[in-house]
Amino acid sequence: MRYSIAHKEETHRRLLESSCSIAKQHGFDSTGVDGLMSAIGMTSGAFYTHFKSKEELFKVIIEREVDNSCRMLAGEDEDGVTSLEKAVRGYLSSYHALHPEAGCALPTLGAEIARSGPDVKQVAEDGLKRMHGTWSERLDDADHAWALISQCVGALVLCRVVETEKARKQILAANRRSLTKTYFQKRTRKA
């Protein structure tokens, strides 16, 4: 039985969404093709009608997720108004720390990206450069932009490493305070 183009596109979309969530929750390397496909109710044989390899899927996931991370950290609200401080507060939130499947892929998949091939690394680098460009403009300082991105990602990694809610909240609060003092209060005083 041949499936319609619409069915194939819908299956592809579901596979990608499910794989993104699974990768951010459990790691990409630790989940096999069988697990990825069974999550959407299909057999592993159907995987290869959508992707040539698991590595190709990972590259697509990273493209999608780095774009998502860029949007998260861009700080744009519904009205198109940008607020970097608001974006940082949302990024460094308990919800984001507790729900990796709904957030930035960098804290959860960074180590796997680092072990990947050059194509995946290039996709991640391109996305990071876009994010850096946005933040450089808003902060008027390229070095501060890299430092801010690094601190946000690193803080989220630490939040997910600790066991207790108290430690997680301390890490988040300390980083929000530090970033506010370092970047946002200075900008407010300059204006």
N, C-alpha and C. Protein backbone atom coordinates (compact mmCIF):
# COMPACT_ATOMS: atom_id res chain seq x y z
N MET A 1 0.83 -1.19 0.00
CA MET A 1 0.00 0.00 0.00
C MET A 1 0.88 1.25 0.00
N ARG A 2 0.63 2.13 -0.93
CA ARG A 2 1.38 3.38 -1.01
C ARG A 2 0.65 4.45 -0.21
N TYR A 3 1.43 5.21 0.52
CA TYR A 3 0.85 6.29 1.32
C TYR A 3 0.85 7.58 0.52
N SER A 4 -0.08 8.45 0.80
CA SER A 4 -0.15 9.74 0.12
C SER A 4 1.01 10.63 0.56
N ILE A 5 1.26 11.64 -0.22
CA ILE A 5 2.32 12.61 0.12
C ILE A 5 1.99 13.28 1.45
N ALA A 6 0.71 13.61 1.64
CA ALA A 6 0.30 14.25 2.90
C ALA A 6 0.58 13.34 4.10
N HIS A 7 0.32 12.04 3.95
CA HIS A 7 0.59 11.09 5.04
C HIS A 7 2.08 11.03 5.33
N LYS A 8 2.90 10.98 4.28
CA LYS A 8 4.35 10.95 4.47
C LYS A 8 4.84 12.22 5.16
N GLU A 9 4.32 13.37 4.75
CA GLU A 9 4.72 14.64 5.36
C GLU A 9 4.31 14.69 6.84
N GLU A 10 3.12 14.22 7.13
CA GLU A 10 2.64 14.20 8.52
C GLU A 10 3.49 13.24 9.36
N THR A 11 3.83 12.08 8.82
CA THR A 11 4.68 11.13 9.53
C THR A 11 6.06 11.74 9.77
N HIS A 12 6.60 12.40 8.77
CA HIS A 12 7.90 13.06 8.88
C HIS A 12 7.86 14.11 10.00
N ARG A 13 6.81 14.93 10.01
CA ARG A 13 6.66 15.98 11.02
C ARG A 13 6.58 15.36 12.42
N ARG A 14 5.75 14.32 12.57
CA ARG A 14 5.60 13.66 13.86
C ARG A 14 6.91 13.03 14.32
N LEU A 15 7.63 12.39 13.40
CA LEU A 15 8.92 11.78 13.72
C LEU A 15 9.91 12.84 14.19
N LEU A 16 9.95 13.95 13.51
CA LEU A 16 10.88 15.02 13.88
C LEU A 16 10.53 15.62 15.24
N GLU A 17 9.25 15.92 15.46
CA GLU A 17 8.84 16.49 16.75
C GLU A 17 9.11 15.52 17.89
N SER A 18 8.74 14.28 17.71
CA SER A 18 8.95 13.27 18.73
C SER A 18 10.44 13.07 19.00
N SER A 19 11.23 13.00 17.94
CA SER A 19 12.68 12.78 18.08
C SER A 19 13.34 13.95 18.81
N CYS A 20 12.89 15.17 18.53
CA CYS A 20 13.44 16.34 19.23
C CYS A 20 13.19 16.22 20.73
N SER A 21 11.97 15.90 21.08
CA SER A 21 11.61 15.77 22.48
C SER A 21 12.38 14.63 23.16
N ILE A 22 12.43 13.48 22.51
CA ILE A 22 13.14 12.32 23.07
C ILE A 22 14.63 12.65 23.24
N ALA A 23 15.22 13.27 22.23
CA ALA A 23 16.65 13.60 22.30
C ALA A 23 16.94 14.54 23.46
N LYS A 24 16.10 15.55 23.66
CA LYS A 24 16.34 16.51 24.73
C LYS A 24 16.05 15.92 26.10
N GLN A 25 15.17 14.93 26.19
CA GLN A 25 14.87 14.31 27.48
C GLN A 25 15.85 13.20 27.84
N HIS A 26 16.20 12.37 26.87
CA HIS A 26 16.95 11.15 27.18
C HIS A 26 18.30 11.06 26.48
N GLY A 27 18.60 12.01 25.62
CA GLY A 27 19.83 11.94 24.83
C GLY A 27 19.56 11.29 23.50
N PHE A 28 20.23 11.75 22.48
CA PHE A 28 20.00 11.22 21.15
C PHE A 28 20.72 9.90 20.94
N ASP A 29 21.98 9.83 21.36
CA ASP A 29 22.77 8.61 21.15
C ASP A 29 22.19 7.41 21.88
N SER A 30 21.54 7.66 23.01
CA SER A 30 21.04 6.54 23.81
C SER A 30 19.71 5.99 23.31
N THR A 31 19.12 6.63 22.31
CA THR A 31 17.84 6.16 21.77
C THR A 31 18.05 5.64 20.36
N GLY A 32 17.67 4.41 20.12
CA GLY A 32 17.83 3.81 18.81
C GLY A 32 16.68 4.14 17.87
N VAL A 33 16.84 3.76 16.63
CA VAL A 33 15.82 3.98 15.61
C VAL A 33 14.52 3.31 16.02
N ASP A 34 14.60 2.11 16.60
CA ASP A 34 13.38 1.41 17.06
C ASP A 34 12.60 2.26 18.05
N GLY A 35 13.31 2.85 19.00
CA GLY A 35 12.66 3.69 20.02
C GLY A 35 12.06 4.95 19.43
N LEU A 36 12.78 5.57 18.49
CA LEU A 36 12.27 6.79 17.85
C LEU A 36 10.99 6.50 17.08
N MET A 37 10.98 5.39 16.36
CA MET A 37 9.82 5.06 15.53
C MET A 37 8.65 4.54 16.37
N SER A 38 8.94 3.74 17.39
CA SER A 38 7.84 3.23 18.21
C SER A 38 7.14 4.37 18.96
N ALA A 39 7.84 5.46 19.22
CA ALA A 39 7.23 6.61 19.89
C ALA A 39 6.11 7.23 19.05
N ILE A 40 6.16 7.01 17.73
CA ILE A 40 5.08 7.53 16.88
C ILE A 40 4.24 6.39 16.30
N GLY A 41 4.40 5.20 16.86
CA GLY A 41 3.57 4.07 16.48
C GLY A 41 3.93 3.44 15.15
N MET A 42 5.20 3.49 14.79
CA MET A 42 5.62 2.91 13.51
C MET A 42 6.82 1.98 13.72
N THR A 43 7.11 1.19 12.72
CA THR A 43 8.24 0.28 12.79
C THR A 43 9.51 0.98 12.32
N SER A 44 10.64 0.42 12.70
CA SER A 44 11.93 1.04 12.36
C SER A 44 12.20 1.05 10.85
N GLY A 45 11.61 0.14 10.10
CA GLY A 45 11.82 0.13 8.66
C GLY A 45 11.35 1.40 7.98
N ALA A 46 10.31 2.03 8.53
CA ALA A 46 9.77 3.26 7.94
C ALA A 46 10.72 4.45 8.13
N PHE A 47 11.63 4.34 9.09
CA PHE A 47 12.56 5.44 9.36
C PHE A 47 13.31 5.86 8.10
N TYR A 48 13.77 4.88 7.35
CA TYR A 48 14.66 5.15 6.22
C TYR A 48 13.94 5.72 4.99
N THR A 49 12.63 5.83 5.06
CA THR A 49 11.92 6.55 4.01
C THR A 49 11.94 8.05 4.29
N HIS A 50 12.37 8.41 5.52
CA HIS A 50 12.40 9.82 5.92
C HIS A 50 13.82 10.37 6.06
N PHE A 51 14.74 9.53 6.50
CA PHE A 51 16.12 9.96 6.71
C PHE A 51 17.06 8.85 6.26
N LYS A 52 18.21 9.25 5.69
CA LYS A 52 19.19 8.26 5.22
C LYS A 52 19.88 7.56 6.40
N SER A 53 20.02 8.30 7.49
CA SER A 53 20.72 7.76 8.65
C SER A 53 20.27 8.48 9.91
N LYS A 54 20.63 7.92 11.02
CA LYS A 54 20.32 8.56 12.30
C LYS A 54 21.10 9.88 12.42
N GLU A 55 22.31 9.91 11.87
CA GLU A 55 23.12 11.14 11.89
C GLU A 55 22.42 12.26 11.11
N GLU A 56 21.79 11.92 9.99
CA GLU A 56 21.06 12.93 9.22
C GLU A 56 19.89 13.48 10.05
N LEU A 57 19.18 12.61 10.75
CA LEU A 57 18.11 13.06 11.63
C LEU A 57 18.66 14.00 12.70
N PHE A 58 19.79 13.65 13.29
CA PHE A 58 20.38 14.48 14.33
C PHE A 58 20.71 15.87 13.80
N LYS A 59 21.23 15.94 12.59
CA LYS A 59 21.54 17.23 11.98
C LYS A 59 20.27 18.07 11.82
N VAL A 60 19.19 17.46 11.37
CA VAL A 60 17.92 18.17 11.21
C VAL A 60 17.40 18.63 12.57
N ILE A 61 17.52 17.76 13.58
CA ILE A 61 17.10 18.13 14.93
C ILE A 61 17.88 19.35 15.40
N ILE A 62 19.19 19.33 15.21
CA ILE A 62 20.01 20.44 15.68
C ILE A 62 19.67 21.72 14.93
N GLU A 63 19.45 21.64 13.62
CA GLU A 63 19.03 22.83 12.86
C GLU A 63 17.76 23.42 13.47
N ARG A 64 16.80 22.58 13.66
CA ARG A 64 15.50 23.02 14.20
C ARG A 64 15.65 23.57 15.62
N GLU A 65 16.36 22.84 16.45
CA GLU A 65 16.46 23.22 17.86
C GLU A 65 17.34 24.44 18.09
N VAL A 66 18.37 24.61 17.30
CA VAL A 66 19.18 25.82 17.45
C VAL A 66 18.37 27.04 17.01
N ASP A 67 17.57 26.90 15.96
CA ASP A 67 16.67 27.99 15.57
C ASP A 67 15.69 28.30 16.70
N ASN A 68 15.16 27.26 17.33
CA ASN A 68 14.26 27.44 18.46
C ASN A 68 14.98 28.15 19.61
N SER A 69 16.20 27.76 19.89
CA SER A 69 16.97 28.39 20.96
C SER A 69 17.23 29.86 20.64
N CYS A 70 17.52 30.14 19.39
CA CYS A 70 17.74 31.54 18.98
C CYS A 70 16.49 32.37 19.22
N ARG A 71 15.33 31.82 18.89
CA ARG A 71 14.07 32.53 19.13
C ARG A 71 13.83 32.72 20.63
N MET A 72 14.11 31.67 21.41
CA MET A 72 13.92 31.76 22.87
C MET A 72 14.76 32.88 23.46
N LEU A 73 15.99 32.94 23.03
CA LEU A 73 16.92 33.89 23.61
C LEU A 73 16.92 35.25 22.91
N ALA A 74 16.14 35.39 21.86
CA ALA A 74 16.07 36.68 21.18
C ALA A 74 15.31 37.70 22.03
N GLY A 75 14.39 37.22 22.84
CA GLY A 75 13.68 38.13 23.73
C GLY A 75 12.60 38.93 23.06
N GLU A 76 11.98 38.36 22.05
CA GLU A 76 10.92 39.08 21.35
C GLU A 76 9.57 38.62 21.86
N ASP A 77 8.75 39.56 22.29
CA ASP A 77 7.41 39.17 22.74
C ASP A 77 6.40 39.32 21.61
N GLU A 78 5.15 39.12 21.92
CA GLU A 78 4.10 39.10 20.91
C GLU A 78 4.01 40.39 20.11
N ASP A 79 4.32 41.50 20.72
CA ASP A 79 4.22 42.79 20.04
C ASP A 79 5.46 43.13 19.22
N GLY A 80 6.43 42.22 19.18
CA GLY A 80 7.66 42.48 18.47
C GLY A 80 8.64 43.31 19.27
N VAL A 81 8.30 43.60 20.52
CA VAL A 81 9.18 44.37 21.40
C VAL A 81 10.24 43.43 21.93
N THR A 82 11.48 43.87 21.91
CA THR A 82 12.55 43.00 22.37
C THR A 82 12.96 43.35 23.80
N SER A 83 13.16 42.33 24.58
CA SER A 83 13.61 42.49 25.95
C SER A 83 14.57 41.35 26.27
N LEU A 84 15.83 41.67 26.22
CA LEU A 84 16.85 40.67 26.52
C LEU A 84 16.73 40.19 27.96
N GLU A 85 16.45 41.10 28.86
CA GLU A 85 16.32 40.72 30.27
C GLU A 85 15.16 39.76 30.47
N LYS A 86 14.05 40.00 29.80
CA LYS A 86 12.89 39.10 29.88
C LYS A 86 13.25 37.71 29.33
N ALA A 87 13.99 37.68 28.24
CA ALA A 87 14.40 36.40 27.65
C ALA A 87 15.29 35.62 28.61
N VAL A 88 16.21 36.31 29.27
CA VAL A 88 17.11 35.64 30.21
C VAL A 88 16.32 35.09 31.40
N ARG A 89 15.36 35.88 31.90
CA ARG A 89 14.53 35.39 33.02
C ARG A 89 13.77 34.13 32.62
N GLY A 90 13.22 34.11 31.40
CA GLY A 90 12.51 32.93 30.94
C GLY A 90 13.43 31.74 30.74
N TYR A 91 14.61 32.01 30.22
CA TYR A 91 15.58 30.94 29.99
C TYR A 91 16.05 30.35 31.31
N LEU A 92 16.33 31.21 32.27
CA LEU A 92 16.81 30.77 33.58
C LEU A 92 15.64 30.61 34.55
N SER A 93 14.67 29.82 34.15
CA SER A 93 13.49 29.58 34.98
C SER A 93 13.45 28.12 35.43
N SER A 94 12.74 27.88 36.50
CA SER A 94 12.56 26.50 36.98
C SER A 94 11.87 25.66 35.93
N TYR A 95 10.88 26.24 35.25
CA TYR A 95 10.17 25.47 34.22
C TYR A 95 11.15 24.97 33.16
N HIS A 96 12.01 25.87 32.68
CA HIS A 96 12.96 25.49 31.64
C HIS A 96 13.94 24.43 32.16
N ALA A 97 14.35 24.58 33.40
CA ALA A 97 15.29 23.60 33.99
C ALA A 97 14.64 22.23 34.12
N LEU A 98 13.35 22.20 34.44
CA LEU A 98 12.66 20.93 34.69
C LEU A 98 12.08 20.29 33.43
N HIS A 99 12.01 21.04 32.34
CA HIS A 99 11.38 20.54 31.12
C HIS A 99 12.32 20.69 29.92
N PRO A 100 13.37 19.88 29.86
CA PRO A 100 14.32 20.00 28.74
C PRO A 100 13.66 19.76 27.38
N GLU A 101 12.61 18.94 27.35
CA GLU A 101 11.95 18.65 26.08
C GLU A 101 11.30 19.89 25.47
N ALA A 102 11.01 20.90 26.29
CA ALA A 102 10.33 22.10 25.81
C ALA A 102 11.27 23.28 25.61
N GLY A 103 12.54 23.06 25.83
CA GLY A 103 13.44 24.21 25.83
C GLY A 103 14.64 24.08 24.90
N CYS A 104 15.65 24.82 25.26
CA CYS A 104 16.89 24.93 24.48
C CYS A 104 17.62 23.58 24.43
N ALA A 105 18.09 23.25 23.26
CA ALA A 105 18.80 21.98 23.07
C ALA A 105 20.26 22.05 23.51
N LEU A 106 20.81 23.23 23.62
CA LEU A 106 22.25 23.34 23.90
C LEU A 106 22.64 22.72 25.25
N PRO A 107 21.90 22.98 26.33
CA PRO A 107 22.30 22.35 27.60
C PRO A 107 22.14 20.83 27.60
N THR A 108 21.17 20.32 26.85
CA THR A 108 20.92 18.88 26.88
C THR A 108 21.71 18.12 25.83
N LEU A 109 21.93 18.72 24.68
CA LEU A 109 22.58 18.00 23.58
C LEU A 109 23.98 18.52 23.24
N GLY A 110 24.46 19.49 24.00
CA GLY A 110 25.76 20.08 23.71
C GLY A 110 26.89 19.07 23.62
N ALA A 111 26.94 18.14 24.56
CA ALA A 111 28.01 17.13 24.55
C ALA A 111 27.89 16.21 23.34
N GLU A 112 26.66 15.88 22.96
CA GLU A 112 26.46 15.03 21.78
C GLU A 112 26.81 15.78 20.49
N ILE A 113 26.51 17.07 20.46
CA ILE A 113 26.91 17.88 19.30
C ILE A 113 28.42 17.90 19.19
N ALA A 114 29.09 18.04 20.33
CA ALA A 114 30.56 18.09 20.34
C ALA A 114 31.18 16.79 19.81
N ARG A 115 30.51 15.68 20.00
CA ARG A 115 31.01 14.38 19.52
C ARG A 115 30.55 14.06 18.10
N SER A 116 29.76 14.91 17.52
CA SER A 116 29.21 14.66 16.18
C SER A 116 30.20 15.04 15.09
N GLY A 117 29.78 14.77 13.88
CA GLY A 117 30.60 15.10 12.72
C GLY A 117 30.58 16.58 12.40
N PRO A 118 31.38 16.98 11.43
CA PRO A 118 31.51 18.40 11.09
C PRO A 118 30.20 19.04 10.60
N ASP A 119 29.33 18.29 9.93
CA ASP A 119 28.07 18.87 9.45
C ASP A 119 27.19 19.33 10.61
N VAL A 120 27.07 18.49 11.62
CA VAL A 120 26.24 18.83 12.79
C VAL A 120 26.87 19.99 13.54
N LYS A 121 28.17 19.95 13.74
CA LYS A 121 28.86 21.04 14.45
C LYS A 121 28.69 22.36 13.71
N GLN A 122 28.74 22.32 12.39
CA GLN A 122 28.60 23.55 11.60
C GLN A 122 27.20 24.14 11.76
N VAL A 123 26.21 23.28 11.77
CA VAL A 123 24.82 23.75 11.99
C VAL A 123 24.72 24.44 13.35
N ALA A 124 25.29 23.82 14.38
CA ALA A 124 25.25 24.41 15.72
C ALA A 124 26.02 25.74 15.74
N GLU A 125 27.18 25.75 15.12
CA GLU A 125 27.98 26.98 15.10
C GLU A 125 27.24 28.11 14.38
N ASP A 126 26.63 27.80 13.25
CA ASP A 126 25.89 28.82 12.51
C ASP A 126 24.77 29.41 13.37
N GLY A 127 24.06 28.55 14.08
CA GLY A 127 23.00 29.03 14.96
C GLY A 127 23.52 29.86 16.10
N LEU A 128 24.62 29.42 16.70
CA LEU A 128 25.22 30.20 17.79
C LEU A 128 25.69 31.56 17.29
N LYS A 129 26.22 31.61 16.09
CA LYS A 129 26.67 32.89 15.53
C LYS A 129 25.49 33.83 15.31
N ARG A 130 24.34 33.28 14.86
CA ARG A 130 23.14 34.12 14.71
C ARG A 130 22.71 34.68 16.07
N MET A 131 22.67 33.80 17.06
CA MET A 131 22.30 34.21 18.41
C MET A 131 23.27 35.27 18.92
N HIS A 132 24.54 35.03 18.71
CA HIS A 132 25.57 35.97 19.14
C HIS A 132 25.40 37.32 18.46
N GLY A 133 25.09 37.31 17.17
CA GLY A 133 24.89 38.56 16.44
C GLY A 133 23.75 39.38 17.03
N THR A 134 22.65 38.71 17.34
CA THR A 134 21.49 39.40 17.93
C THR A 134 21.86 40.01 19.27
N TRP A 135 22.52 39.23 20.11
CA TRP A 135 22.87 39.72 21.44
C TRP A 135 23.97 40.77 21.38
N SER A 136 24.90 40.64 20.45
CA SER A 136 25.96 41.65 20.30
C SER A 136 25.37 43.02 20.01
N GLU A 137 24.38 43.04 19.11
CA GLU A 137 23.72 44.31 18.78
C GLU A 137 23.04 44.90 20.00
N ARG A 138 22.34 44.08 20.74
CA ARG A 138 21.57 44.59 21.88
C ARG A 138 22.46 45.02 23.04
N LEU A 139 23.58 44.34 23.20
CA LEU A 139 24.49 44.67 24.30
C LEU A 139 25.58 45.64 23.89
N ASP A 140 25.71 45.87 22.61
CA ASP A 140 26.79 46.72 22.07
C ASP A 140 28.17 46.19 22.44
N ASP A 141 28.29 44.86 22.56
CA ASP A 141 29.57 44.29 22.96
C ASP A 141 29.59 42.80 22.60
N ALA A 142 30.45 42.44 21.65
CA ALA A 142 30.51 41.06 21.18
C ALA A 142 31.00 40.10 22.27
N ASP A 143 31.95 40.53 23.08
CA ASP A 143 32.45 39.68 24.15
C ASP A 143 31.37 39.40 25.19
N HIS A 144 30.62 40.45 25.54
CA HIS A 144 29.54 40.26 26.52
C HIS A 144 28.48 39.30 25.98
N ALA A 145 28.23 39.36 24.69
CA ALA A 145 27.23 38.47 24.10
C ALA A 145 27.66 37.01 24.26
N TRP A 146 28.92 36.69 23.95
CA TRP A 146 29.39 35.30 24.13
C TRP A 146 29.33 34.91 25.61
N ALA A 147 29.71 35.81 26.49
CA ALA A 147 29.70 35.51 27.92
C ALA A 147 28.28 35.26 28.42
N LEU A 148 27.34 36.06 27.97
CA LEU A 148 25.95 35.92 28.39
C LEU A 148 25.37 34.59 27.91
N ILE A 149 25.60 34.25 26.66
CA ILE A 149 25.12 32.97 26.13
C ILE A 149 25.73 31.82 26.93
N SER A 150 27.03 31.88 27.14
CA SER A 150 27.73 30.81 27.87
C SER A 150 27.22 30.67 29.29
N GLN A 151 26.98 31.79 29.95
CA GLN A 151 26.51 31.73 31.33
C GLN A 151 25.10 31.15 31.40
N CYS A 152 24.24 31.53 30.47
CA CYS A 152 22.87 31.00 30.47
C CYS A 152 22.87 29.48 30.25
N VAL A 153 23.59 29.03 29.24
CA VAL A 153 23.64 27.60 28.94
C VAL A 153 24.28 26.83 30.09
N GLY A 154 25.39 27.34 30.59
CA GLY A 154 26.08 26.68 31.70
C GLY A 154 25.23 26.60 32.96
N ALA A 155 24.51 27.67 33.26
CA ALA A 155 23.65 27.67 34.44
C ALA A 155 22.56 26.61 34.32
N LEU A 156 22.00 26.47 33.13
CA LEU A 156 20.95 25.47 32.94
C LEU A 156 21.51 24.05 33.06
N VAL A 157 22.73 23.84 32.57
CA VAL A 157 23.37 22.53 32.73
C VAL A 157 23.50 22.20 34.22
N LEU A 158 24.00 23.16 35.00
CA LEU A 158 24.17 22.92 36.43
C LEU A 158 22.83 22.65 37.12
N CYS A 159 21.79 23.37 36.72
CA CYS A 159 20.47 23.15 37.32
C CYS A 159 19.97 21.74 37.10
N ARG A 160 20.33 21.18 35.97
CA ARG A 160 19.87 19.83 35.65
C ARG A 160 20.76 18.76 36.25
N VAL A 161 21.91 19.15 36.74
CA VAL A 161 22.84 18.21 37.36
C VAL A 161 22.51 17.98 38.82
N VAL A 162 22.02 19.02 39.49
CA VAL A 162 21.77 18.91 40.93
C VAL A 162 20.48 18.16 41.20
N GLU A 163 20.41 17.57 42.39
CA GLU A 163 19.26 16.74 42.78
C GLU A 163 18.14 17.56 43.41
N THR A 164 18.49 18.52 44.25
CA THR A 164 17.45 19.18 45.04
C THR A 164 16.92 20.45 44.37
N GLU A 165 15.66 20.70 44.67
CA GLU A 165 15.01 21.91 44.16
C GLU A 165 15.68 23.16 44.74
N LYS A 166 16.10 23.07 45.99
CA LYS A 166 16.75 24.20 46.64
C LYS A 166 18.02 24.60 45.89
N ALA A 167 18.86 23.64 45.57
CA ALA A 167 20.10 23.94 44.84
C ALA A 167 19.78 24.52 43.46
N ARG A 168 18.79 23.93 42.77
CA ARG A 168 18.41 24.42 41.44
C ARG A 168 17.97 25.88 41.52
N LYS A 169 17.12 26.19 42.49
CA LYS A 169 16.63 27.57 42.64
C LYS A 169 17.75 28.53 42.98
N GLN A 170 18.71 28.09 43.80
CA GLN A 170 19.85 28.94 44.15
C GLN A 170 20.69 29.25 42.91
N ILE A 171 20.93 28.24 42.10
CA ILE A 171 21.72 28.44 40.88
C ILE A 171 21.01 29.41 39.94
N LEU A 172 19.73 29.20 39.72
CA LEU A 172 18.97 30.07 38.83
C LEU A 172 18.95 31.51 39.35
N ALA A 173 18.63 31.69 40.63
CA ALA A 173 18.54 33.03 41.20
C ALA A 173 19.88 33.75 41.17
N ALA A 174 20.94 33.04 41.51
CA ALA A 174 22.28 33.65 41.50
C ALA A 174 22.66 34.12 40.10
N ASN A 175 22.36 33.32 39.10
CA ASN A 175 22.70 33.70 37.74
C ASN A 175 21.84 34.85 37.24
N ARG A 176 20.55 34.84 37.56
CA ARG A 176 19.70 35.97 37.16
C ARG A 176 20.19 37.27 37.80
N ARG A 177 20.53 37.21 39.11
CA ARG A 177 21.04 38.41 39.79
C ARG A 177 22.35 38.87 39.16
N SER A 178 23.25 37.93 38.92
CA SER A 178 24.55 38.28 38.34
C SER A 178 24.40 38.91 36.96
N LEU A 179 23.57 38.31 36.13
CA LEU A 179 23.38 38.85 34.78
C LEU A 179 22.70 40.21 34.81
N THR A 180 21.76 40.39 35.72
CA THR A 180 21.09 41.69 35.85
C THR A 180 22.11 42.76 36.24
N LYS A 181 22.93 42.47 37.25
CA LYS A 181 23.94 43.44 37.69
C LYS A 181 24.95 43.73 36.59
N THR A 182 25.40 42.69 35.93
CA THR A 182 26.47 42.83 34.95
C THR A 182 26.01 43.49 33.66
N TYR A 183 24.84 43.12 33.17
CA TYR A 183 24.44 43.56 31.84
C TYR A 183 23.27 44.52 31.82
N PHE A 184 22.25 44.28 32.63
CA PHE A 184 21.02 45.04 32.46
C PHE A 184 20.97 46.31 33.26
N GLN A 185 21.49 46.33 34.50
CA GLN A 185 21.49 47.57 35.27
C GLN A 185 22.41 48.61 34.63
N LYS A 186 23.54 48.17 34.10
CA LYS A 186 24.47 49.08 33.43
C LYS A 186 23.81 49.71 32.22
N ARG A 187 23.06 48.92 31.46
CA ARG A 187 22.41 49.43 30.25
C ARG A 187 21.32 50.43 30.63
N THR A 188 20.60 50.17 31.73
CA THR A 188 19.55 51.08 32.17
C THR A 188 20.16 52.41 32.59
N ARG A 189 21.29 52.37 33.28
CA ARG A 189 21.95 53.61 33.72
C ARG A 189 22.49 54.41 32.55
N LYS A 190 22.95 53.72 31.49
CA LYS A 190 23.47 54.41 30.31
C LYS A 190 22.37 55.17 29.58
N ALA A 191 21.18 54.60 29.58
CA ALA A 191 20.08 55.20 28.78
C ALA A 191 19.58 56.50 29.34
